[in-house]
Amino acid sequence: MAKLVSKTYGEALFEAAMESGEDRAGELLEEIDAVRKILAENPRFDEMMEHPGITKQEKLEVVDAVFGGRASTELVNFLRLIISKERYRDLPAVFDYFTARVKEQKKIGIAQVTTAQELSLSQKSAVRARLLETSGYREMEMYYNTDASLIGGMVIRIGDRVVDSSIRTKLDSLTKQLLQIQLG
């Protein structure tokens, strides 16, 4: 259900931004990043927005007071909509969806690369260059993780696509094949 909510509201925000032009979507993304930072630095704001003892009208007034004149009318009105529909708790997921849509539209890929050991700078550069070459993205945001249980190789995730060339996966596959031979 939360995924449907984030997609519905995130898509509505994206479409509204695109109606104003491609540049507007990028500008709105920057505003959203600033709002995220403000919210992260002020966890009591979230508590207040989700508090059942505070009326919807009071919450709307707080949003106007905090963001009015500092954020675009478009974003303030969107925040007001989220609050009036009692979807504030879904705001991070909505912002995530919007961010992903804008990056996809701008041909910016997001790659999660997991290896058994930390990669050197030259290895990271080579992985990034190869992903840009094969993926069709103009830019690539790279996030690197290590997981010793992979033994070797790497796992690359871009969106819902996964390329797993880890030794762990190859060993698991070989083990299953050997068990089938023994049982057969």
C-alpha atoms as a PDB file:
ATOM      1  CA  MET A   1       0.000   0.000   0.000  1.00  0.00           C
ATOM      2  CA  ALA A   2       2.811   2.433   0.900  1.00  0.00           C
ATOM      3  CA  LYS A   3       4.440   1.797  -2.473  1.00  0.00           C
ATOM      4  CA  LEU A   4       1.192   2.650  -4.253  1.00  0.00           C
ATOM      5  CA  VAL A   5       0.855   5.843  -2.213  1.00  0.00           C
ATOM      6  CA  SER A   6       4.437   6.913  -2.932  1.00  0.00           C
ATOM      7  CA  LYS A   7       4.003   6.205  -6.623  1.00  0.00           C
ATOM      8  CA  THR A   8       0.664   8.037  -6.850  1.00  0.00           C
ATOM      9  CA  TYR A   9       1.814  11.191  -5.094  1.00  0.00           C
ATOM     10  CA  GLY A  10       5.376  11.057  -6.437  1.00  0.00           C
ATOM     11  CA  GLU A  11       4.103  10.699  -9.996  1.00  0.00           C
ATOM     12  CA  ALA A  12       1.644  13.579  -9.501  1.00  0.00           C
ATOM     13  CA  LEU A  13       4.471  15.808  -8.262  1.00  0.00           C
ATOM     14  CA  PHE A  14       6.689  14.730 -11.163  1.00  0.00           C
ATOM     15  CA  GLU A  15       3.969  15.414 -13.746  1.00  0.00           C
ATOM     16  CA  ALA A  16       3.261  18.835 -12.234  1.00  0.00           C
ATOM     17  CA  ALA A  17       6.968  19.701 -12.370  1.00  0.00           C
ATOM     18  CA  MET A  18       7.306  18.471 -15.957  1.00  0.00           C
ATOM     19  CA  GLU A  19       4.359  20.622 -17.043  1.00  0.00           C
ATOM     20  CA  SER A  20       6.475  23.612 -16.024  1.00  0.00           C
ATOM     21  CA  GLY A  21       9.455  22.283 -17.988  1.00  0.00           C
ATOM     22  CA  GLU A  22      12.347  19.894 -17.558  1.00  0.00           C
ATOM     23  CA  ASP A  23      14.397  22.465 -15.660  1.00  0.00           C
ATOM     24  CA  ARG A  24      11.616  22.851 -13.090  1.00  0.00           C
ATOM     25  CA  ALA A  25      11.870  19.176 -12.153  1.00  0.00           C
ATOM     26  CA  GLY A  26      15.572  19.638 -11.374  1.00  0.00           C
ATOM     27  CA  GLU A  27      14.880  22.790  -9.370  1.00  0.00           C
ATOM     28  CA  LEU A  28      12.144  21.033  -7.417  1.00  0.00           C
ATOM     29  CA  LEU A  29      14.526  18.146  -6.735  1.00  0.00           C
ATOM     30  CA  GLU A  30      16.980  20.607  -5.174  1.00  0.00           C
ATOM     31  CA  GLU A  31      14.184  22.060  -3.032  1.00  0.00           C
ATOM     32  CA  ILE A  32      13.134  18.591  -1.922  1.00  0.00           C
ATOM     33  CA  ASP A  33      16.727  17.771  -0.951  1.00  0.00           C
ATOM     34  CA  ALA A  34      16.782  20.946   1.166  1.00  0.00           C
ATOM     35  CA  VAL A  35      13.444  20.030   2.805  1.00  0.00           C
ATOM     36  CA  ARG A  36      14.756  16.525   3.526  1.00  0.00           C
ATOM     37  CA  LYS A  37      17.795  18.022   5.217  1.00  0.00           C
ATOM     38  CA  ILE A  38      15.635  20.350   7.318  1.00  0.00           C
ATOM     39  CA  LEU A  39      13.368  17.473   8.354  1.00  0.00           C
ATOM     40  CA  ALA A  40      16.342  15.247   9.205  1.00  0.00           C
ATOM     41  CA  GLU A  41      17.802  17.990  11.420  1.00  0.00           C
ATOM     42  CA  ASN A  42      14.439  18.535  13.136  1.00  0.00           C
ATOM     43  CA  PRO A  43      12.899  15.170  14.098  1.00  0.00           C
ATOM     44  CA  ARG A  44      10.392  16.915  16.372  1.00  0.00           C
ATOM     45  CA  PHE A  45       8.749  18.372  13.252  1.00  0.00           C
ATOM     46  CA  ASP A  46       7.855  14.811  12.163  1.00  0.00           C
ATOM     47  CA  GLU A  47       6.527  14.047  15.640  1.00  0.00           C
ATOM     48  CA  MET A  48       4.321  17.123  15.499  1.00  0.00           C
ATOM     49  CA  MET A  49       3.019  16.345  11.996  1.00  0.00           C
ATOM     50  CA  GLU A  50       2.049  12.836  13.080  1.00  0.00           C
ATOM     51  CA  HIS A  51       0.667  13.768  16.496  1.00  0.00           C
ATOM     52  CA  PRO A  52      -3.045  12.913  16.703  1.00  0.00           C
ATOM     53  CA  GLY A  53      -3.733  15.721  19.177  1.00  0.00           C
ATOM     54  CA  ILE A  54      -2.763  18.435  16.698  1.00  0.00           C
ATOM     55  CA  THR A  55      -5.507  19.317  14.236  1.00  0.00           C
ATOM     56  CA  LYS A  56      -5.023  19.172  10.511  1.00  0.00           C
ATOM     57  CA  GLN A  57      -5.568  22.937  10.297  1.00  0.00           C
ATOM     58  CA  GLU A  58      -2.824  23.583  12.872  1.00  0.00           C
ATOM     59  CA  LYS A  59      -0.446  21.335  10.916  1.00  0.00           C
ATOM     60  CA  LEU A  60      -1.228  23.230   7.705  1.00  0.00           C
ATOM     61  CA  GLU A  61      -0.543  26.529   9.462  1.00  0.00           C
ATOM     62  CA  VAL A  62       2.808  25.206  10.707  1.00  0.00           C
ATOM     63  CA  VAL A  63       3.773  24.145   7.169  1.00  0.00           C
ATOM     64  CA  ASP A  64       2.857  27.601   5.882  1.00  0.00           C
ATOM     65  CA  ALA A  65       4.866  29.268   8.668  1.00  0.00           C
ATOM     66  CA  VAL A  66       7.939  27.043   8.240  1.00  0.00           C
ATOM     67  CA  PHE A  67       8.106  26.697   4.457  1.00  0.00           C
ATOM     68  CA  GLY A  68       6.029  29.603   3.120  1.00  0.00           C
ATOM     69  CA  GLY A  69       8.306  32.114   1.408  1.00  0.00           C
ATOM     70  CA  ARG A  70      11.265  29.731   1.723  1.00  0.00           C
ATOM     71  CA  ALA A  71      10.095  26.978  -0.619  1.00  0.00           C
ATOM     72  CA  SER A  72       8.220  27.323  -3.881  1.00  0.00           C
ATOM     73  CA  THR A  73       4.458  27.686  -3.775  1.00  0.00           C
ATOM     74  CA  GLU A  74       4.293  24.421  -5.695  1.00  0.00           C
ATOM     75  CA  LEU A  75       6.175  22.498  -3.001  1.00  0.00           C
ATOM     76  CA  VAL A  76       4.329  24.170  -0.107  1.00  0.00           C
ATOM     77  CA  ASN A  77       0.991  23.317  -1.744  1.00  0.00           C
ATOM     78  CA  PHE A  78       2.170  19.745  -2.229  1.00  0.00           C
ATOM     79  CA  LEU A  79       3.113  19.478   1.454  1.00  0.00           C
ATOM     80  CA  ARG A  80      -0.301  20.892   2.350  1.00  0.00           C
ATOM     81  CA  LEU A  81      -1.947  18.232   0.147  1.00  0.00           C
ATOM     82  CA  ILE A  82       0.055  15.445   1.793  1.00  0.00           C
ATOM     83  CA  ILE A  83      -0.991  16.675   5.243  1.00  0.00           C
ATOM     84  CA  SER A  84      -4.628  17.227   4.323  1.00  0.00           C
ATOM     85  CA  LYS A  85      -4.801  13.650   2.962  1.00  0.00           C
ATOM     86  CA  GLU A  86      -3.084  12.381   6.147  1.00  0.00           C
ATOM     87  CA  ARG A  87      -0.146  10.938   4.218  1.00  0.00           C
ATOM     88  CA  TYR A  88       2.693  12.731   5.991  1.00  0.00           C
ATOM     89  CA  ARG A  89       4.280   9.450   7.111  1.00  0.00           C
ATOM     90  CA  ASP A  90       4.621   8.517   3.408  1.00  0.00           C
ATOM     91  CA  LEU A  91       6.491  11.725   2.547  1.00  0.00           C
ATOM     92  CA  PRO A  92      10.007  10.163   2.504  1.00  0.00           C
ATOM     93  CA  ALA A  93       8.833   7.432   0.102  1.00  0.00           C
ATOM     94  CA  VAL A  94       7.059  10.029  -2.074  1.00  0.00           C
ATOM     95  CA  PHE A  95      10.248  12.103  -2.206  1.00  0.00           C
ATOM     96  CA  ASP A  96      12.263   8.951  -3.023  1.00  0.00           C
ATOM     97  CA  TYR A  97       9.918   8.118  -5.903  1.00  0.00           C
ATOM     98  CA  PHE A  98      10.062  11.687  -7.241  1.00  0.00           C
ATOM     99  CA  THR A  99      13.866  11.717  -6.987  1.00  0.00           C
ATOM    100  CA  ALA A 100      14.130   8.433  -8.880  1.00  0.00           C
ATOM    101  CA  ARG A 101      11.791   9.703 -11.633  1.00  0.00           C
ATOM    102  CA  VAL A 102      13.746  12.923 -12.098  1.00  0.00           C
ATOM    103  CA  LYS A 103      17.057  11.062 -12.202  1.00  0.00           C
ATOM    104  CA  GLU A 104      15.646   8.541 -14.671  1.00  0.00           C
ATOM    105  CA  GLN A 105      14.358  11.366 -16.856  1.00  0.00           C
ATOM    106  CA  LYS A 106      17.785  13.034 -16.736  1.00  0.00           C
ATOM    107  CA  LYS A 107      19.475   9.687 -17.559  1.00  0.00           C
ATOM    108  CA  ILE A 108      21.239   9.481 -14.199  1.00  0.00           C
ATOM    109  CA  GLY A 109      21.687   5.903 -13.033  1.00  0.00           C
ATOM    110  CA  ILE A 110      22.109   4.815  -9.430  1.00  0.00           C
ATOM    111  CA  ALA A 111      24.328   1.793  -8.943  1.00  0.00           C
ATOM    112  CA  GLN A 112      24.890  -0.208  -5.777  1.00  0.00           C
ATOM    113  CA  VAL A 113      28.126  -2.180  -6.131  1.00  0.00           C
ATOM    114  CA  THR A 114      28.946  -4.783  -3.505  1.00  0.00           C
ATOM    115  CA  THR A 115      32.321  -6.531  -3.441  1.00  0.00           C
ATOM    116  CA  ALA A 116      34.116  -8.836  -1.028  1.00  0.00           C
ATOM    117  CA  GLN A 117      36.915  -6.301  -0.540  1.00  0.00           C
ATOM    118  CA  GLU A 118      37.173  -2.538  -0.879  1.00  0.00           C
ATOM    119  CA  LEU A 119      37.885  -1.523  -4.476  1.00  0.00           C
ATOM    120  CA  SER A 120      40.782   0.779  -5.348  1.00  0.00           C
ATOM    121  CA  LEU A 121      40.067   4.141  -6.962  1.00  0.00           C
ATOM    122  CA  SER A 122      41.141   2.815 -10.363  1.00  0.00           C
ATOM    123  CA  GLN A 123      38.861  -0.233  -9.988  1.00  0.00           C
ATOM    124  CA  LYS A 124      35.930   2.006  -9.003  1.00  0.00           C
ATOM    125  CA  SER A 125      36.626   4.208 -11.997  1.00  0.00           C
ATOM    126  CA  ALA A 126      36.724   1.178 -14.311  1.00  0.00           C
ATOM    127  CA  VAL A 127      33.410  -0.170 -12.939  1.00  0.00           C
ATOM    128  CA  ARG A 128      31.780   3.237 -13.346  1.00  0.00           C
ATOM    129  CA  ALA A 129      33.093   3.633 -16.903  1.00  0.00           C
ATOM    130  CA  ARG A 130      31.878   0.158 -17.853  1.00  0.00           C
ATOM    131  CA  LEU A 131      28.415   0.794 -16.405  1.00  0.00           C
ATOM    132  CA  LEU A 132      28.130   4.097 -18.268  1.00  0.00           C
ATOM    133  CA  GLU A 133      29.227   2.351 -21.459  1.00  0.00           C
ATOM    134  CA  THR A 134      26.710  -0.482 -21.186  1.00  0.00           C
ATOM    135  CA  SER A 135      23.723   1.060 -19.437  1.00  0.00           C
ATOM    136  CA  GLY A 136      22.714   4.017 -21.593  1.00  0.00           C
ATOM    137  CA  TYR A 137      22.932   6.484 -18.694  1.00  0.00           C
ATOM    138  CA  ARG A 138      24.733   9.818 -19.114  1.00  0.00           C
ATOM    139  CA  GLU A 139      25.776   9.941 -15.460  1.00  0.00           C
ATOM    140  CA  MET A 140      26.059   7.333 -12.752  1.00  0.00           C
ATOM    141  CA  GLU A 141      25.787   7.743  -8.992  1.00  0.00           C
ATOM    142  CA  MET A 142      27.920   5.039  -7.485  1.00  0.00           C
ATOM    143  CA  TYR A 143      27.500   3.540  -4.022  1.00  0.00           C
ATOM    144  CA  TYR A 144      30.042   0.943  -2.910  1.00  0.00           C
ATOM    145  CA  ASN A 145      29.628  -1.641  -0.154  1.00  0.00           C
ATOM    146  CA  THR A 146      31.707  -4.559   1.018  1.00  0.00           C
ATOM    147  CA  ASP A 147      30.433  -7.979   2.038  1.00  0.00           C
ATOM    148  CA  ALA A 148      33.124 -10.550   2.815  1.00  0.00           C
ATOM    149  CA  SER A 149      30.619 -13.400   2.393  1.00  0.00           C
ATOM    150  CA  LEU A 150      30.734 -12.842  -1.391  1.00  0.00           C
ATOM    151  CA  ILE A 151      34.241 -14.359  -1.286  1.00  0.00           C
ATOM    152  CA  GLY A 152      35.089 -12.629  -4.598  1.00  0.00           C
ATOM    153  CA  GLY A 153      33.490 -11.047  -7.635  1.00  0.00           C
ATOM    154  CA  MET A 154      30.770  -8.424  -7.301  1.00  0.00           C
ATOM    155  CA  VAL A 155      27.046  -7.784  -7.221  1.00  0.00           C
ATOM    156  CA  ILE A 156      25.761  -4.746  -9.114  1.00  0.00           C
ATOM    157  CA  ARG A 157      22.233  -3.415  -8.642  1.00  0.00           C
ATOM    158  CA  ILE A 158      20.800  -0.664 -10.834  1.00  0.00           C
ATOM    159  CA  GLY A 159      17.136  -0.137 -10.063  1.00  0.00           C
ATOM    160  CA  ASP A 160      15.468  -3.545 -10.179  1.00  0.00           C
ATOM    161  CA  ARG A 161      18.239  -5.131 -12.278  1.00  0.00           C
ATOM    162  CA  VAL A 162      20.892  -7.219 -10.554  1.00  0.00           C
ATOM    163  CA  VAL A 163      24.073  -8.690 -11.993  1.00  0.00           C
ATOM    164  CA  ASP A 164      25.574 -11.182  -9.561  1.00  0.00           C
ATOM    165  CA  SER A 165      29.021 -12.478 -10.471  1.00  0.00           C
ATOM    166  CA  SER A 166      30.044 -13.306  -6.921  1.00  0.00           C
ATOM    167  CA  ILE A 167      31.910 -16.489  -6.111  1.00  0.00           C
ATOM    168  CA  ARG A 168      29.357 -17.219  -3.363  1.00  0.00           C
ATOM    169  CA  THR A 169      26.532 -17.357  -5.933  1.00  0.00           C
ATOM    170  CA  LYS A 170      28.616 -19.521  -8.277  1.00  0.00           C
ATOM    171  CA  LEU A 171      29.409 -21.921  -5.423  1.00  0.00           C
ATOM    172  CA  ASP A 172      25.732 -22.065  -4.397  1.00  0.00           C
ATOM    173  CA  SER A 173      24.778 -22.867  -7.984  1.00  0.00           C
ATOM    174  CA  LEU A 174      27.434 -25.560  -8.251  1.00  0.00           C
ATOM    175  CA  THR A 175      26.292 -27.087  -4.948  1.00  0.00           C
ATOM    176  CA  LYS A 176      22.699 -27.302  -6.202  1.00  0.00           C
ATOM    177  CA  GLN A 177      23.863 -28.949  -9.428  1.00  0.00           C
ATOM    178  CA  LEU A 178      25.932 -31.516  -7.519  1.00  0.00           C
ATOM    179  CA  LEU A 179      23.003 -32.304  -5.194  1.00  0.00           C
ATOM    180  CA  GLN A 180      20.749 -32.878  -8.207  1.00  0.00           C
ATOM    181  CA  ILE A 181      23.287 -35.266  -9.721  1.00  0.00           C
ATOM    182  CA  GLN A 182      23.539 -37.257  -6.474  1.00  0.00           C
ATOM    183  CA  LEU A 183      19.762 -37.427  -6.074  1.00  0.00           C
ATOM    184  CA  GLY A 184      19.165 -38.241  -9.736  1.00  0.00           C
END
